[in-house]
């Protein structure tokens, strides 16, 4: 029995439909990028594109398109590259096209030159959560949104798409699974955070943060920045993700864990996220010679003074370590 041959449009629509199951916003972005590529390359729309058109795409065609949009922001160019790569790999995997697509890996992403977004210290995060609780509409939901953002390092668009079915309570924690810009992701939260989310649950409502929209959240962030007089900073909702990645690095000391937390495919992206304090010359020898036992040989009161001068995030990590050691009976 001969298999029914599907059209190029049908396959593209299936590709978008599968993306929409994971994230509506991702699917919309894919459709925009694909439509622009097809229009610029073939002068066609998705409705009339053919398999032969896709089969004809080679390195030169792809590179020429990237050159034609080079005046766009680097993030826009990189998103377009990623979208077309993903689509072509999908077409190849479905045996819609036969051409060798190894050339896709020769098209390199452009260096990120996006505007620097400040990372939020823990106290600033707490201030934002407190201020969100004063919002006129959906105050508690907005607080929980920030809490989950800092706990999971998920992007706003992914957070707003989260459904209750993505949570799997276990004996010691709650697992969350989903799909976003960086691909499949898995996060764990404790029951305290999960129980706060459950306060929002409405019978028959699939999405955790419905009816919030990206505009609702951005408007909230602007109000809070003004109310807390943080207008000189570049704080945005993405600052919560940066805070999550940096906190993971500080608590684990493991760059790969921080990279995993950020759902980053490129280590350079994680490096941009990890913003530690500037201590001046930080080379092993430029820092000078210090007695590694100093902290053991100063008075308790003086040690407390030293700790008090450290940044709030470091103190928070000390408190976590002390609490866990107490629970284990080690101190």
Protein backbone atom coordinates (compact mmCIF):
# COMPACT_ATOMS: atom_id res chain seq x y z
CA UNK A 1 0.00 0.00 0.00
CA UNK A 2 1.47 3.35 -1.05
CA UNK A 3 1.77 5.98 1.67
CA UNK A 4 -0.14 9.21 1.07
CA UNK A 5 2.23 11.99 0.04
CA UNK A 6 1.80 15.11 2.16
CA UNK A 7 2.35 18.61 0.85
CA UNK A 8 5.06 20.95 2.11
CA UNK A 9 2.39 23.17 3.66
CA UNK A 10 0.91 20.24 5.58
CA UNK A 11 4.30 19.31 7.05
CA UNK A 12 5.05 22.90 8.04
CA UNK A 13 1.63 23.14 9.70
CA UNK A 14 2.32 19.89 11.55
CA UNK A 15 5.67 21.29 12.66
CA UNK A 16 3.95 24.41 14.01
CA UNK A 17 1.19 22.38 15.65
CA UNK A 18 3.72 20.26 17.53
CA UNK A 19 5.55 23.41 18.65
CA UNK A 20 2.24 24.91 19.84
CA UNK A 21 1.66 21.94 22.15
CA UNK A 22 4.79 22.98 24.01
CA UNK A 23 4.45 26.77 23.77
CA UNK A 24 1.99 28.96 21.89
CA UNK A 25 4.47 31.82 21.82
CA UNK A 26 7.23 29.62 20.40
CA UNK A 27 4.89 28.41 17.64
CA UNK A 28 3.95 31.99 16.76
CA UNK A 29 7.61 32.98 16.60
CA UNK A 30 8.38 29.98 14.39
CA UNK A 31 5.57 30.85 11.98
CA UNK A 32 6.75 34.46 11.69
CA UNK A 33 10.35 33.45 11.02
CA UNK A 34 9.40 30.74 8.51
CA UNK A 35 7.02 33.05 6.65
CA UNK A 36 9.71 35.75 6.35
CA UNK A 37 12.28 33.21 5.13
CA UNK A 38 9.95 31.71 2.51
CA UNK A 39 8.84 35.16 1.30
CA UNK A 40 12.42 36.46 1.00
CA UNK A 41 13.81 33.29 -0.57
CA UNK A 42 11.04 32.14 -2.90
CA UNK A 43 8.56 35.03 -2.99
CA UNK A 44 5.93 32.64 -1.68
CA UNK A 45 3.81 32.01 1.40
CA UNK A 46 3.51 28.87 3.52
CA UNK A 47 0.30 28.02 1.65
CA UNK A 48 2.02 27.58 -1.70
CA UNK A 49 5.54 26.45 -0.75
CA UNK A 50 6.57 23.12 -2.30
CA UNK A 51 8.77 20.22 -1.27
CA UNK A 52 10.98 21.04 -4.25
CA UNK A 53 11.52 24.53 -2.85
CA UNK A 54 12.73 23.13 0.46
CA UNK A 55 14.83 20.55 -1.38
CA UNK A 56 16.61 23.35 -3.23
CA UNK A 57 17.81 25.12 -0.06
CA UNK A 58 21.57 24.86 0.33
CA UNK A 59 24.34 26.68 2.19
CA UNK A 60 24.41 29.60 -0.26
CA UNK A 61 20.66 30.19 -0.10
CA UNK A 62 20.63 30.03 3.70
CA UNK A 63 23.70 32.27 4.03
CA UNK A 64 22.26 34.79 1.55
CA UNK A 65 19.09 35.08 3.62
CA UNK A 66 21.06 35.64 6.82
CA UNK A 67 23.07 38.33 5.02
CA UNK A 68 19.83 40.02 3.93
CA UNK A 69 18.63 40.42 7.54
CA UNK A 70 22.00 41.30 9.07
CA UNK A 71 20.80 44.81 9.96
CA UNK A 72 18.33 43.28 12.40
CA UNK A 73 19.38 42.82 16.01
CA UNK A 74 21.71 39.88 16.66
CA UNK A 75 19.05 38.20 18.77
CA UNK A 76 16.57 38.41 15.85
CA UNK A 77 19.12 37.00 13.40
CA UNK A 78 20.02 34.18 15.80
CA UNK A 79 16.36 33.35 16.34
CA UNK A 80 15.82 33.15 12.57
CA UNK A 81 18.84 30.88 12.16
CA UNK A 82 17.62 28.59 14.93
CA UNK A 83 14.07 28.44 13.54
CA UNK A 84 15.10 27.51 9.99
CA UNK A 85 17.63 24.98 11.28
CA UNK A 86 14.95 23.34 13.42
CA UNK A 87 12.46 23.25 10.54
CA UNK A 88 14.96 21.78 8.07
CA UNK A 89 15.98 19.08 10.55
CA UNK A 90 12.28 18.29 11.05
CA UNK A 91 11.75 17.99 7.28
CA UNK A 92 14.80 15.74 7.00
CA UNK A 93 13.69 13.54 9.90
CA UNK A 94 10.26 13.16 8.31
CA UNK A 95 11.95 12.20 5.00
CA UNK A 96 10.22 15.12 3.29
CA UNK A 97 13.58 16.24 1.89
CA UNK A 98 16.52 14.03 0.88
CA UNK A 99 19.27 16.67 0.64
CA UNK A 100 22.21 16.49 3.03
CA UNK A 101 21.67 19.29 5.59
CA UNK A 102 25.05 19.13 7.34
CA UNK A 103 25.66 22.64 5.97
CA UNK A 104 23.29 24.00 8.63
CA UNK A 105 26.01 23.70 11.24
CA UNK A 106 28.27 25.97 9.18
CA UNK A 107 25.93 28.93 9.75
CA UNK A 108 27.16 30.43 13.01
CA UNK A 109 25.13 32.44 15.48
CA UNK A 110 26.05 36.10 15.83
CA UNK A 111 27.61 37.41 19.02
CA UNK A 112 25.05 38.62 21.52
CA UNK A 113 25.14 42.41 21.73
CA UNK A 114 21.86 42.85 23.53
CA UNK A 115 21.41 45.53 26.15
CA UNK A 116 22.81 44.45 29.50
CA UNK A 117 20.15 43.56 32.05
CA UNK A 118 21.06 43.97 35.70
CA UNK A 119 21.00 40.93 37.95
CA UNK A 120 18.86 41.27 41.08
CA UNK A 121 20.37 40.68 44.51
CA UNK A 122 18.18 38.55 46.79
CA UNK A 123 16.94 41.56 48.75
CA UNK A 124 15.77 43.27 45.56
CA UNK A 125 13.93 40.09 44.54
CA UNK A 126 12.18 40.09 47.91
CA UNK A 127 11.29 43.75 47.44
CA UNK A 128 9.72 42.97 44.07
CA UNK A 129 7.71 40.09 45.54
CA UNK A 130 6.48 42.31 48.36
CA UNK A 131 5.51 45.11 45.98
CA UNK A 132 3.74 42.67 43.64
CA UNK A 133 1.53 41.79 46.59
CA UNK A 134 0.17 45.35 46.49
CA UNK A 135 -1.02 45.08 42.89
CA UNK A 136 -4.70 45.86 42.31
CA UNK A 137 -5.33 42.78 40.14
CA UNK A 138 -4.06 39.21 40.65
CA UNK A 139 -1.57 40.28 43.32
CA UNK A 140 -1.01 36.82 44.78
CA UNK A 141 -0.66 35.29 41.32
CA UNK A 142 1.99 37.86 40.39
CA UNK A 143 3.92 37.10 43.57
CA UNK A 144 3.87 33.38 42.78
CA UNK A 145 4.97 34.10 39.21
CA UNK A 146 8.08 35.89 40.49
CA UNK A 147 8.80 33.17 43.05
CA UNK A 148 8.62 30.45 40.39
CA UNK A 149 10.72 32.53 37.98
CA UNK A 150 13.54 32.85 40.53
CA UNK A 151 13.26 29.19 41.52
CA UNK A 152 13.27 27.75 38.00
CA UNK A 153 15.03 30.33 35.77
CA UNK A 154 12.23 29.94 33.23
CA UNK A 155 11.46 32.72 30.77
CA UNK A 156 8.26 34.71 31.13
CA UNK A 157 6.75 33.24 27.95
CA UNK A 158 7.33 29.71 29.27
CA UNK A 159 5.99 30.49 32.73
CA UNK A 160 2.75 31.89 31.33
CA UNK A 161 2.23 28.67 29.34
CA UNK A 162 2.71 26.30 32.30
CA UNK A 163 -0.22 23.96 32.94
CA UNK A 164 -1.12 22.04 36.10
CA UNK A 165 -0.51 18.77 34.25
CA UNK A 166 3.21 19.62 34.08
CA UNK A 167 3.64 19.15 37.85
CA UNK A 168 4.45 15.71 39.29
CA UNK A 169 4.50 15.62 43.12
CA UNK A 170 6.95 13.09 44.59
CA UNK A 171 7.91 12.09 48.11
CA UNK A 172 10.45 14.87 48.71
CA UNK A 173 9.78 17.42 45.98
CA UNK A 174 7.68 18.33 42.95
CA UNK A 175 9.01 17.83 39.41
CA UNK A 176 8.07 20.20 36.59
CA UNK A 177 8.55 19.26 32.93
CA UNK A 178 8.10 21.34 29.81
CA UNK A 179 9.51 22.65 26.56
CA UNK A 180 10.75 26.14 25.76
CA UNK A 181 13.30 28.12 23.76
CA UNK A 182 16.15 25.94 25.02
CA UNK A 183 14.32 22.66 24.36
CA UNK A 184 12.98 20.20 26.92
CA UNK A 185 13.46 21.25 30.54
CA UNK A 186 13.01 19.68 33.96
CA UNK A 187 12.92 21.56 37.26
CA UNK A 188 12.33 20.59 40.87
CA UNK A 189 10.57 22.76 43.45
CA UNK A 190 9.78 22.06 47.08
CA UNK A 191 6.31 21.50 48.47
CA UNK A 192 6.17 24.94 50.07
CA UNK A 193 6.44 26.63 46.66
CA UNK A 194 4.01 24.12 45.11
CA UNK A 195 1.44 24.72 47.86
CA UNK A 196 1.63 28.45 47.23
CA UNK A 197 0.86 27.77 43.56
CA UNK A 198 -2.06 25.52 44.49
CA UNK A 199 -3.69 28.53 46.15
CA UNK A 200 -4.19 29.88 42.62
CA UNK A 201 -5.86 26.76 41.22
CA UNK A 202 -9.30 27.27 39.70
CA UNK A 203 -11.51 24.34 38.70
CA UNK A 204 -11.38 23.75 34.95
CA UNK A 205 -8.47 26.14 34.35
CA UNK A 206 -5.49 24.43 32.71
CA UNK A 207 -2.90 27.19 32.90
CA UNK A 208 -1.42 28.11 36.27
CA UNK A 209 -1.09 31.82 35.59
CA UNK A 210 -4.18 32.49 33.47
CA UNK A 211 -5.35 35.14 32.73
CA UNK A 212 -2.00 36.99 33.02
CA UNK A 213 -0.41 38.13 29.75
CA UNK A 214 3.11 39.28 28.96
CA UNK A 215 1.82 42.86 28.81
CA UNK A 216 0.23 42.53 32.27
CA UNK A 217 3.56 41.40 33.69
CA UNK A 218 5.65 44.03 31.91
CA UNK A 219 3.29 46.75 33.13
CA UNK A 220 3.66 45.39 36.66
CA UNK A 221 7.44 45.42 36.40
CA UNK A 222 7.39 49.05 35.26
CA UNK A 223 5.14 50.05 38.15
CA UNK A 224 7.29 48.28 40.71
CA UNK A 225 10.51 49.77 39.34
CA UNK A 226 8.99 53.22 39.73
CA UNK A 227 7.50 52.54 43.17
CA UNK A 228 10.79 51.18 44.53
CA UNK A 229 12.82 53.93 42.84
CA UNK A 230 14.92 51.47 40.82
CA UNK A 231 14.62 53.53 37.64
CA UNK A 232 18.38 53.92 37.35
CA UNK A 233 18.75 50.15 37.02
CA UNK A 234 17.98 47.97 33.99
CA UNK A 235 15.90 45.51 36.02
CA UNK A 236 13.35 43.56 33.98
CA UNK A 237 11.54 40.25 34.38
CA UNK A 238 14.57 38.60 32.78
CA UNK A 239 16.59 39.73 35.81
CA UNK A 240 14.85 36.96 37.78
CA UNK A 241 16.31 34.38 35.41
CA UNK A 242 19.77 35.90 35.79
CA UNK A 243 19.35 35.85 39.58
CA UNK A 244 18.39 32.15 39.44
CA UNK A 245 21.38 31.19 37.29
CA UNK A 246 23.85 33.17 39.41
CA UNK A 247 22.41 31.80 42.65
CA UNK A 248 22.77 28.24 41.33
CA UNK A 249 26.41 28.92 40.48
CA UNK A 250 27.10 30.40 43.91
CA UNK A 251 25.48 27.56 45.82
CA UNK A 252 27.00 24.74 43.74
CA UNK A 253 30.23 26.29 42.46
CA UNK A 254 29.53 24.29 39.29
CA UNK A 255 29.44 26.15 35.96
CA UNK A 256 27.67 23.25 34.23
CA UNK A 257 24.92 23.31 36.85
CA UNK A 258 24.46 27.04 36.23
CA UNK A 259 24.36 26.40 32.47
CA UNK A 260 21.78 23.65 33.00
CA UNK A 261 19.71 25.94 35.22
CA UNK A 262 19.64 28.60 32.52
CA UNK A 263 18.69 26.05 29.84
CA UNK A 264 21.60 27.40 27.79
CA UNK A 265 23.04 25.55 24.79
CA UNK A 266 25.94 27.99 24.57
CA UNK A 267 28.38 28.39 27.51
CA UNK A 268 28.99 32.00 26.44
CA UNK A 269 25.38 32.79 27.32
CA UNK A 270 25.89 31.47 30.83
CA UNK A 271 29.05 33.55 31.16
CA UNK A 272 27.01 36.67 30.39
CA UNK A 273 24.56 35.71 33.13
CA UNK A 274 27.18 35.13 35.83
CA UNK A 275 27.92 38.57 37.17
CA UNK A 276 29.89 38.49 40.39
CA UNK A 277 31.11 41.47 42.39
CA UNK A 278 34.15 43.34 41.08
CA UNK A 279 36.99 42.76 43.50
CA UNK A 280 39.60 44.45 41.31
CA UNK A 281 42.59 42.23 40.53
CA UNK A 282 41.33 38.68 41.05
CA UNK A 283 44.24 36.57 39.80
CA UNK A 284 45.47 33.85 42.13
CA UNK A 285 48.66 35.77 42.93
CA UNK A 286 47.44 39.33 42.34
CA UNK A 287 45.02 38.92 45.22
CA UNK A 288 48.01 38.60 47.53
CA UNK A 289 49.03 36.05 50.14
CA UNK A 290 46.47 35.18 52.81
CA UNK A 291 46.50 32.77 55.71
CA UNK A 292 43.94 30.09 54.88
CA UNK A 293 43.26 29.66 58.61
CA UNK A 294 42.46 33.34 59.29
CA UNK A 295 38.75 32.76 59.79
CA UNK A 296 39.54 30.23 62.53
CA UNK A 297 41.83 32.55 64.44
CA UNK A 298 39.74 35.66 64.95
CA UNK A 299 37.24 36.42 67.70
CA UNK A 300 33.64 35.36 67.22
CA UNK A 301 32.47 38.99 67.28
CA UNK A 302 35.01 39.94 64.61
CA UNK A 303 33.98 37.01 62.43
CA UNK A 304 30.38 38.21 62.62
CA UNK A 305 31.53 41.68 61.51
CA UNK A 306 33.31 40.15 58.52
CA UNK A 307 30.25 38.13 57.56
CA UNK A 308 28.09 41.23 57.94
CA UNK A 309 30.21 42.98 55.30
CA UNK A 310 29.64 40.22 52.74
CA UNK A 311 26.89 40.51 50.12
CA UNK A 312 23.38 39.42 51.10
CA UNK A 313 23.38 36.44 48.73
CA UNK A 314 26.54 35.03 50.32
CA UNK A 315 25.03 35.43 53.79
CA UNK A 316 21.91 33.64 52.55
CA UNK A 317 24.09 30.73 51.37
CA UNK A 318 25.80 30.62 54.79
CA UNK A 319 22.40 30.44 56.45
CA UNK A 320 21.33 27.58 54.18
CA UNK A 321 24.52 25.64 54.95
CA UNK A 322 24.20 26.26 58.70
CA UNK A 323 20.56 25.15 58.71
CA UNK A 324 21.31 21.94 56.82
CA UNK A 325 24.23 21.08 59.10
CA UNK A 326 22.02 21.66 62.16
CA UNK A 327 19.34 19.38 60.70
CA UNK A 328 22.01 16.67 60.28
CA UNK A 329 23.27 17.20 63.82
CA UNK A 330 26.71 18.27 62.58
CA UNK A 331 26.66 21.53 64.56
